Each structure stands twice: as structure tokens, then as C-alpha cells.
Amino acid sequence: MTRTLRRADVFWADVLKQVDWYREKAGPEVAEGYVNAVEATLQTLAN
């Protein structure tokens, strides 16, 4: 069964804010890892 996830604009705003923080404090590789983890989590929740 596949579920549809609803993501509010504030969700994306929070994700982008966190990505910027990781990029600044830990570097682009860590920021990319965070994005990959968020995407994987959303995929898991949708399944």
C-alpha cells in the first residue's frame, strides 16, 4: 500500500533552513547527506 504524504510549506522551509545550517557548519557533503536522509525517510513513510 502506498500512502500519500502531505508536506506543508513550513515543512520545506524547515528542511531548507536545516540544509543551509549543515552547509555552513559542516560542509556541503553533510548537507547533501541530510537531504538524502530526508528523502529516504519520506519514501519509507509513503510505503
C-alpha atoms as a PDB file:
ATOM      1  CA  MET A   1       0.000   0.000   0.000  1.00  0.00           C
ATOM      2  CA  THR A   2       1.341   3.422  -0.937  1.00  0.00           C
ATOM      3  CA  ARG A   3       0.362   6.411   1.172  1.00  0.00           C
ATOM      4  CA  THR A   4       0.248   9.988   0.040  1.00  0.00           C
ATOM      5  CA  LEU A   5       2.236  12.304   2.248  1.00  0.00           C
ATOM      6  CA  ARG A   6       1.163  15.884   2.608  1.00  0.00           C
ATOM      7  CA  ARG A   7       4.007  18.285   3.249  1.00  0.00           C
ATOM      8  CA  ALA A   8       3.181  21.820   4.244  1.00  0.00           C
ATOM      9  CA  ASP A   9       5.176  24.795   3.053  1.00  0.00           C
ATOM     10  CA  VAL A  10       6.586  25.153   6.570  1.00  0.00           C
ATOM     11  CA  PHE A  11       7.982  21.626   6.277  1.00  0.00           C
ATOM     12  CA  TRP A  12      10.022  22.610   3.221  1.00  0.00           C
ATOM     13  CA  ALA A  13      11.057  25.892   4.840  1.00  0.00           C
ATOM     14  CA  ASP A  14      12.397  23.965   7.847  1.00  0.00           C
ATOM     15  CA  VAL A  15      14.234  21.481   5.626  1.00  0.00           C
ATOM     16  CA  LEU A  16      15.867  24.269   3.619  1.00  0.00           C
ATOM     17  CA  LYS A  17      16.853  26.112   6.788  1.00  0.00           C
ATOM     18  CA  GLN A  18      18.466  22.965   8.150  1.00  0.00           C
ATOM     19  CA  VAL A  19      20.263  22.301   4.846  1.00  0.00           C
ATOM     20  CA  ASP A  20      21.704  25.815   4.938  1.00  0.00           C
ATOM     21  CA  TRP A  21      22.849  25.297   8.534  1.00  0.00           C
ATOM     22  CA  TYR A  22      24.565  21.991   7.713  1.00  0.00           C
ATOM     23  CA  ARG A  23      26.198  23.511   4.634  1.00  0.00           C
ATOM     24  CA  GLU A  24      27.565  26.409   6.691  1.00  0.00           C
ATOM     25  CA  LYS A  25      28.622  24.488   9.800  1.00  0.00           C
ATOM     26  CA  ALA A  26      29.627  21.078   8.449  1.00  0.00           C
ATOM     27  CA  GLY A  27      30.050  21.417   4.690  1.00  0.00           C
ATOM     28  CA  PRO A  28      28.173  20.514   1.530  1.00  0.00           C
ATOM     29  CA  GLU A  29      28.693  16.766   1.896  1.00  0.00           C
ATOM     30  CA  VAL A  30      26.907  16.721   5.240  1.00  0.00           C
ATOM     31  CA  ALA A  31      24.113  18.914   3.863  1.00  0.00           C
ATOM     32  CA  GLU A  32      23.672  16.526   0.947  1.00  0.00           C
ATOM     33  CA  GLY A  33      23.594  13.579   3.342  1.00  0.00           C
ATOM     34  CA  TYR A  34      20.835  15.306   5.283  1.00  0.00           C
ATOM     35  CA  VAL A  35      18.801  15.825   2.104  1.00  0.00           C
ATOM     36  CA  ASN A  36      19.286  12.168   1.174  1.00  0.00           C
ATOM     37  CA  ALA A  37      18.172  11.087   4.639  1.00  0.00           C
ATOM     38  CA  VAL A  38      15.047  13.264   4.482  1.00  0.00           C
ATOM     39  CA  GLU A  39      14.167  11.893   1.040  1.00  0.00           C
ATOM     40  CA  ALA A  40      14.724   8.301   2.178  1.00  0.00           C
ATOM     41  CA  THR A  41      12.585   8.851   5.267  1.00  0.00           C
ATOM     42  CA  LEU A  42       9.755  10.340   3.211  1.00  0.00           C
ATOM     43  CA  GLN A  43       9.946   7.388   0.820  1.00  0.00           C
ATOM     44  CA  THR A  44       9.802   4.951   3.745  1.00  0.00           C
ATOM     45  CA  LEU A  45       6.811   6.731   5.267  1.00  0.00           C
ATOM     46  CA  ALA A  46       4.995   6.707   1.931  1.00  0.00           C
ATOM     47  CA  ASN A  47       5.313   2.912   1.613  1.00  0.00           C
END
